[in-house]
PDB file of N, CA and C in Angstrom:
ATOM      1  N   UNK A   1      41.492  -7.720  20.569  1.00  0.00           N
ATOM      2  CA  UNK A   1      40.462  -7.120  21.408  1.00  0.00           C
ATOM      3  C   UNK A   1      39.626  -8.233  22.041  1.00  0.00           C
ATOM      4  N   UNK A   2      39.308  -8.065  23.269  1.00  0.00           N
ATOM      5  CA  UNK A   2      38.463  -9.044  23.938  1.00  0.00           C
ATOM      6  C   UNK A   2      36.992  -8.727  23.653  1.00  0.00           C
ATOM      7  N   UNK A   3      36.117  -9.628  24.089  1.00  0.00           N
ATOM      8  CA  UNK A   3      34.689  -9.453  23.843  1.00  0.00           C
ATOM      9  C   UNK A   3      34.142  -8.178  24.445  1.00  0.00           C
ATOM     10  N   UNK A   4      34.633  -7.816  25.598  1.00  0.00           N
ATOM     11  CA  UNK A   4      34.149  -6.607  26.254  1.00  0.00           C
ATOM     12  C   UNK A   4      34.513  -5.364  25.445  1.00  0.00           C
ATOM     13  N   UNK A   5      35.714  -5.343  24.896  1.00  0.00           N
ATOM     14  CA  UNK A   5      36.119  -4.193  24.098  1.00  0.00           C
ATOM     15  C   UNK A   5      35.276  -4.071  22.830  1.00  0.00           C
ATOM     16  N   UNK A   6      34.965  -5.206  22.175  1.00  0.00           N
ATOM     17  CA  UNK A   6      34.114  -5.164  20.989  1.00  0.00           C
ATOM     18  C   UNK A   6      32.722  -4.667  21.344  1.00  0.00           C
ATOM     19  N   UNK A   7      32.215  -5.092  22.485  1.00  0.00           N
ATOM     20  CA  UNK A   7      30.895  -4.630  22.907  1.00  0.00           C
ATOM     21  C   UNK A   7      30.902  -3.120  23.106  1.00  0.00           C
ATOM     22  N   UNK A   8      31.993  -2.584  23.630  1.00  0.00           N
ATOM     23  CA  UNK A   8      32.086  -1.130  23.820  1.00  0.00           C
ATOM     24  C   UNK A   8      32.165  -0.415  22.478  1.00  0.00           C
ATOM     25  N   UNK A   9      32.911  -0.996  21.531  1.00  0.00           N
ATOM     26  CA  UNK A   9      33.024  -0.381  20.209  1.00  0.00           C
ATOM     27  C   UNK A   9      31.675  -0.382  19.515  1.00  0.00           C
ATOM     28  N   UNK A  10      30.986  -1.517  19.525  1.00  0.00           N
ATOM     29  CA  UNK A  10      29.687  -1.605  18.853  1.00  0.00           C
ATOM     30  C   UNK A  10      28.623  -0.789  19.567  1.00  0.00           C
ATOM     31  N   UNK A  11      28.693  -0.745  20.886  1.00  0.00           N
ATOM     32  CA  UNK A  11      27.709   0.013  21.651  1.00  0.00           C
ATOM     33  C   UNK A  11      27.914   1.511  21.538  1.00  0.00           C
ATOM     34  N   UNK A  12      29.139   1.945  21.459  1.00  0.00           N
ATOM     35  CA  UNK A  12      29.515   3.359  21.351  1.00  0.00           C
ATOM     36  C   UNK A  12      28.877   4.209  22.438  1.00  0.00           C
ATOM     37  N   UNK A  13      28.731   3.634  23.585  1.00  0.00           N
ATOM     38  CA  UNK A  13      28.129   4.400  24.675  1.00  0.00           C
ATOM     39  C   UNK A  13      26.699   4.765  24.328  1.00  0.00           C
ATOM     40  N   UNK A  14      26.347   6.001  24.556  1.00  0.00           N
ATOM     41  CA  UNK A  14      24.994   6.476  24.253  1.00  0.00           C
ATOM     42  C   UNK A  14      24.793   6.702  22.761  1.00  0.00           C
ATOM     43  N   UNK A  15      25.867   6.819  22.010  1.00  0.00           N
ATOM     44  CA  UNK A  15      25.777   7.199  20.607  1.00  0.00           C
ATOM     45  C   UNK A  15      25.444   6.026  19.681  1.00  0.00           C
ATOM     46  N   UNK A  16      25.580   4.801  20.140  1.00  0.00           N
ATOM     47  CA  UNK A  16      25.331   3.634  19.307  1.00  0.00           C
ATOM     48  C   UNK A  16      23.914   3.577  18.754  1.00  0.00           C
ATOM     49  N   UNK A  17      22.942   4.035  19.534  1.00  0.00           N
ATOM     50  CA  UNK A  17      21.551   4.006  19.085  1.00  0.00           C
ATOM     51  C   UNK A  17      21.315   4.954  17.910  1.00  0.00           C
ATOM     52  N   UNK A  18      22.166   5.944  17.743  1.00  0.00           N
ATOM     53  CA  UNK A  18      22.059   6.858  16.612  1.00  0.00           C
ATOM     54  C   UNK A  18      22.952   6.413  15.448  1.00  0.00           C
ATOM     55  N   UNK A  19      24.178   6.008  15.770  1.00  0.00           N
ATOM     56  CA  UNK A  19      25.176   5.737  14.736  1.00  0.00           C
ATOM     57  C   UNK A  19      24.812   4.522  13.893  1.00  0.00           C
ATOM     58  N   UNK A  20      24.459   3.410  14.489  1.00  0.00           N
ATOM     59  CA  UNK A  20      24.221   2.193  13.707  1.00  0.00           C
ATOM     60  C   UNK A  20      22.999   2.282  12.804  1.00  0.00           C
ATOM     61  N   UNK A  21      21.862   2.829  13.242  1.00  0.00           N
ATOM     62  CA  UNK A  21      20.754   3.006  12.289  1.00  0.00           C
ATOM     63  C   UNK A  21      21.108   3.976  11.157  1.00  0.00           C
ATOM     64  N   UNK A  22      21.865   5.036  11.467  1.00  0.00           N
ATOM     65  CA  UNK A  22      22.269   5.977  10.420  1.00  0.00           C
ATOM     66  C   UNK A  22      23.191   5.287   9.422  1.00  0.00           C
ATOM     67  N   UNK A  23      24.100   4.469   9.916  1.00  0.00           N
ATOM     68  CA  UNK A  23      25.008   3.714   9.052  1.00  0.00           C
ATOM     69  C   UNK A  23      24.218   2.749   8.165  1.00  0.00           C
ATOM     70  N   UNK A  24      23.263   2.042   8.741  1.00  0.00           N
ATOM     71  CA  UNK A  24      22.442   1.098   7.979  1.00  0.00           C
ATOM     72  C   UNK A  24      21.592   1.803   6.929  1.00  0.00           C
ATOM     73  N   UNK A  25      21.012   2.932   7.289  1.00  0.00           N
ATOM     74  CA  UNK A  25      20.202   3.701   6.341  1.00  0.00           C
ATOM     75  C   UNK A  25      21.052   4.210   5.180  1.00  0.00           C
ATOM     76  N   UNK A  26      22.259   4.667   5.492  1.00  0.00           N
ATOM     77  CA  UNK A  26      23.162   5.142   4.445  1.00  0.00           C
ATOM     78  C   UNK A  26      23.506   4.027   3.475  1.00  0.00           C
ATOM     79  N   UNK A  27      23.842   2.849   3.993  1.00  0.00           N
ATOM     80  CA  UNK A  27      24.157   1.713   3.121  1.00  0.00           C
ATOM     81  C   UNK A  27      22.955   1.302   2.279  1.00  0.00           C
ATOM     82  N   UNK A  28      21.772   1.347   2.856  1.00  0.00           N
ATOM     83  CA  UNK A  28      20.557   1.006   2.119  1.00  0.00           C
ATOM     84  C   UNK A  28      20.313   1.991   0.975  1.00  0.00           C
ATOM     85  N   UNK A  29      20.464   3.269   1.248  1.00  0.00           N
ATOM     86  CA  UNK A  29      20.252   4.283   0.215  1.00  0.00           C
ATOM     87  C   UNK A  29      21.286   4.151  -0.891  1.00  0.00           C
ATOM     88  N   UNK A  30      22.552   3.980  -0.529  1.00  0.00           N
ATOM     89  CA  UNK A  30      23.596   3.827  -1.548  1.00  0.00           C
ATOM     90  C   UNK A  30      23.371   2.574  -2.388  1.00  0.00           C
ATOM     91  N   UNK A  31      22.944   1.487  -1.762  1.00  0.00           N
ATOM     92  CA  UNK A  31      22.630   0.268  -2.508  1.00  0.00           C
ATOM     93  C   UNK A  31      21.470   0.480  -3.464  1.00  0.00           C
ATOM     94  N   UNK A  32      20.447   1.215  -3.022  1.00  0.00           N
ATOM     95  CA  UNK A  32      19.307   1.510  -3.886  1.00  0.00           C
ATOM     96  C   UNK A  32      19.701   2.372  -5.077  1.00  0.00           C
ATOM     97  N   UNK A  33      20.560   3.357  -4.836  1.00  0.00           N
ATOM     98  CA  UNK A  33      21.022   4.202  -5.941  1.00  0.00           C
ATOM     99  C   UNK A  33      21.857   3.406  -6.938  1.00  0.00           C
ATOM    100  N   UNK A  34      22.672   2.505  -6.436  1.00  0.00           N
ATOM    101  CA  UNK A  34      23.470   1.647  -7.318  1.00  0.00           C
ATOM    102  C   UNK A  34      22.566   0.764  -8.166  1.00  0.00           C
ATOM    103  N   UNK A  35      21.564   0.166  -7.554  1.00  0.00           N
ATOM    104  CA  UNK A  35      20.614  -0.683  -8.275  1.00  0.00           C
ATOM    105  C   UNK A  35      19.824   0.117  -9.303  1.00  0.00           C
ATOM    106  N   UNK A  36      19.380   1.310  -8.931  1.00  0.00           N
ATOM    107  CA  UNK A  36      18.621   2.166  -9.853  1.00  0.00           C
ATOM    108  C   UNK A  36      19.474   2.540 -11.060  1.00  0.00           C
ATOM    109  N   UNK A  37      20.714   2.898 -10.842  1.00  0.00           N
ATOM    110  CA  UNK A  37      21.600   3.251 -11.943  1.00  0.00           C
ATOM    111  C   UNK A  37      21.865   2.076 -12.860  1.00  0.00           C
ATOM    112  N   UNK A  38      22.039   0.909 -12.282  1.00  0.00           N
ATOM    113  CA  UNK A  38      22.280  -0.307 -13.068  1.00  0.00           C
ATOM    114  C   UNK A  38      21.078  -0.625 -13.949  1.00  0.00           C
ATOM    115  N   UNK A  39      19.867  -0.514 -13.379  1.00  0.00           N
ATOM    116  CA  UNK A  39      18.651  -0.776 -14.155  1.00  0.00           C
ATOM    117  C   UNK A  39      18.447   0.259 -15.256  1.00  0.00           C
ATOM    118  N   UNK A  40      18.717   1.525 -14.955  1.00  0.00           N
ATOM    119  CA  UNK A  40      18.555   2.589 -15.959  1.00  0.00           C
ATOM    120  C   UNK A  40      19.524   2.373 -17.115  1.00  0.00           C
ATOM    121  N   UNK A  41      20.732   1.950 -16.813  1.00  0.00           N
ATOM    122  CA  UNK A  41      21.708   1.690 -17.869  1.00  0.00           C
ATOM    123  C   UNK A  41      21.249   0.548 -18.761  1.00  0.00           C
ATOM    124  N   UNK A  42      20.721  -0.504 -18.156  1.00  0.00           N
ATOM    125  CA  UNK A  42      20.219  -1.628 -18.955  1.00  0.00           C
ATOM    126  C   UNK A  42      19.071  -1.195 -19.858  1.00  0.00           C
ATOM    127  N   UNK A  43      18.142  -0.381 -19.324  1.00  0.00           N
ATOM    128  CA  UNK A  43      17.018   0.113 -20.144  1.00  0.00           C
ATOM    129  C   UNK A  43      17.523   0.964 -21.298  1.00  0.00           C
ATOM    130  N   UNK A  44      18.470   1.839 -21.025  1.00  0.00           N
ATOM    131  CA  UNK A  44      19.015   2.708 -22.064  1.00  0.00           C
ATOM    132  C   UNK A  44      19.728   1.891 -23.136  1.00  0.00           C
ATOM    133  N   UNK A  45      20.533   0.928 -22.737  1.00  0.00           N
ATOM    134  CA  UNK A  45      21.220   0.086 -23.717  1.00  0.00           C
ATOM    135  C   UNK A  45      20.229  -0.675 -24.585  1.00  0.00           C
ATOM    136  N   UNK A  46      19.172  -1.199 -23.984  1.00  0.00           N
ATOM    137  CA  UNK A  46      18.149  -1.919 -24.729  1.00  0.00           C
ATOM    138  C   UNK A  46      17.447  -0.997 -25.723  1.00  0.00           C
ATOM    139  N   UNK A  47      17.100   0.220 -25.282  1.00  0.00           N
ATOM    140  CA  UNK A  47      16.420   1.169 -26.162  1.00  0.00           C
ATOM    141  C   UNK A  47      17.328   1.599 -27.312  1.00  0.00           C
ATOM    142  N   UNK A  48      18.589   1.843 -27.030  1.00  0.00           N
ATOM    143  CA  UNK A  48      19.517   2.238 -28.092  1.00  0.00           C
ATOM    144  C   UNK A  48      19.745   1.100 -29.084  1.00  0.00           C
ATOM    145  N   UNK A  49      19.808  -0.119 -28.579  1.00  0.00           N
ATOM    146  CA  UNK A  49      19.985  -1.272 -29.461  1.00  0.00           C
ATOM    147  C   UNK A  49      18.780  -1.423 -30.390  1.00  0.00           C
ATOM    148  N   UNK A  50      17.561  -1.259 -29.863  1.00  0.00           N
ATOM    149  CA  UNK A  50      16.354  -1.357 -30.683  1.00  0.00           C
ATOM    150  C   UNK A  50      16.297  -0.224 -31.703  1.00  0.00           C
ATOM    151  N   UNK A  51      16.659   0.974 -31.291  1.00  0.00           N
ATOM    152  CA  UNK A  51      16.662   2.112 -32.210  1.00  0.00           C
ATOM    153  C   UNK A  51      17.672   1.893 -33.327  1.00  0.00           C
ATOM    154  N   UNK A  52      18.849   1.384 -32.976  1.00  0.00           N
ATOM    155  CA  UNK A  52      19.883   1.119 -33.979  1.00  0.00           C
ATOM    156  C   UNK A  52      19.396   0.086 -34.995  1.00  0.00           C
ATOM    157  N   UNK A  53      18.702  -0.953 -34.518  1.00  0.00           N
ATOM    158  CA  UNK A  53      18.172  -1.982 -35.430  1.00  0.00           C
ATOM    159  C   UNK A  53      17.110  -1.400 -36.352  1.00  0.00           C
ATOM    160  N   UNK A  54      16.220  -0.540 -35.818  1.00  0.00           N
ATOM    161  CA  UNK A  54      15.176   0.079 -36.640  1.00  0.00           C
ATOM    162  C   UNK A  54      15.778   0.970 -37.722  1.00  0.00           C
ATOM    163  N   UNK A  55      16.742   1.763 -37.356  1.00  0.00           N
ATOM    164  CA  UNK A  55      17.333   2.703 -38.313  1.00  0.00           C
ATOM    165  C   UNK A  55      18.237   2.009 -39.323  1.00  0.00           C
ATOM    166  N   UNK A  56      18.690   0.835 -39.023  1.00  0.00           N
ATOM    167  CA  UNK A  56      19.580   0.115 -39.910  1.00  0.00           C
ATOM    168  C   UNK A  56      18.822  -0.584 -41.032  1.00  0.00           C
ATOM    169  N   UNK A  57      17.531  -0.815 -40.830  1.00  0.00           N
ATOM    170  CA  UNK A  57      16.719  -1.491 -41.849  1.00  0.00           C
ATOM    171  C   UNK A  57      16.605  -0.635 -43.097  1.00  0.00           C
ATOM    172  N   UNK A  58      16.652  -1.272 -44.278  1.00  0.00           N
ATOM    173  CA  UNK A  58      16.538  -0.490 -45.529  1.00  0.00           C
ATOM    174  C   UNK A  58      15.136   0.018 -45.770  1.00  0.00           C
TER     175      UNK A  58
END
């Protein structure tokens, strides 16, 4: 593809002003959900590990 064709693909005519921000917002939200889930899992693992240590004590 030449430069002009890429510009047409990225521009998408009149629709580019809607499509690219929507695409960026979607990626941002999915990244945030992934990060939130990762942090929640770490907190849960830490809490379970501490609980296991407490209950294991004589």
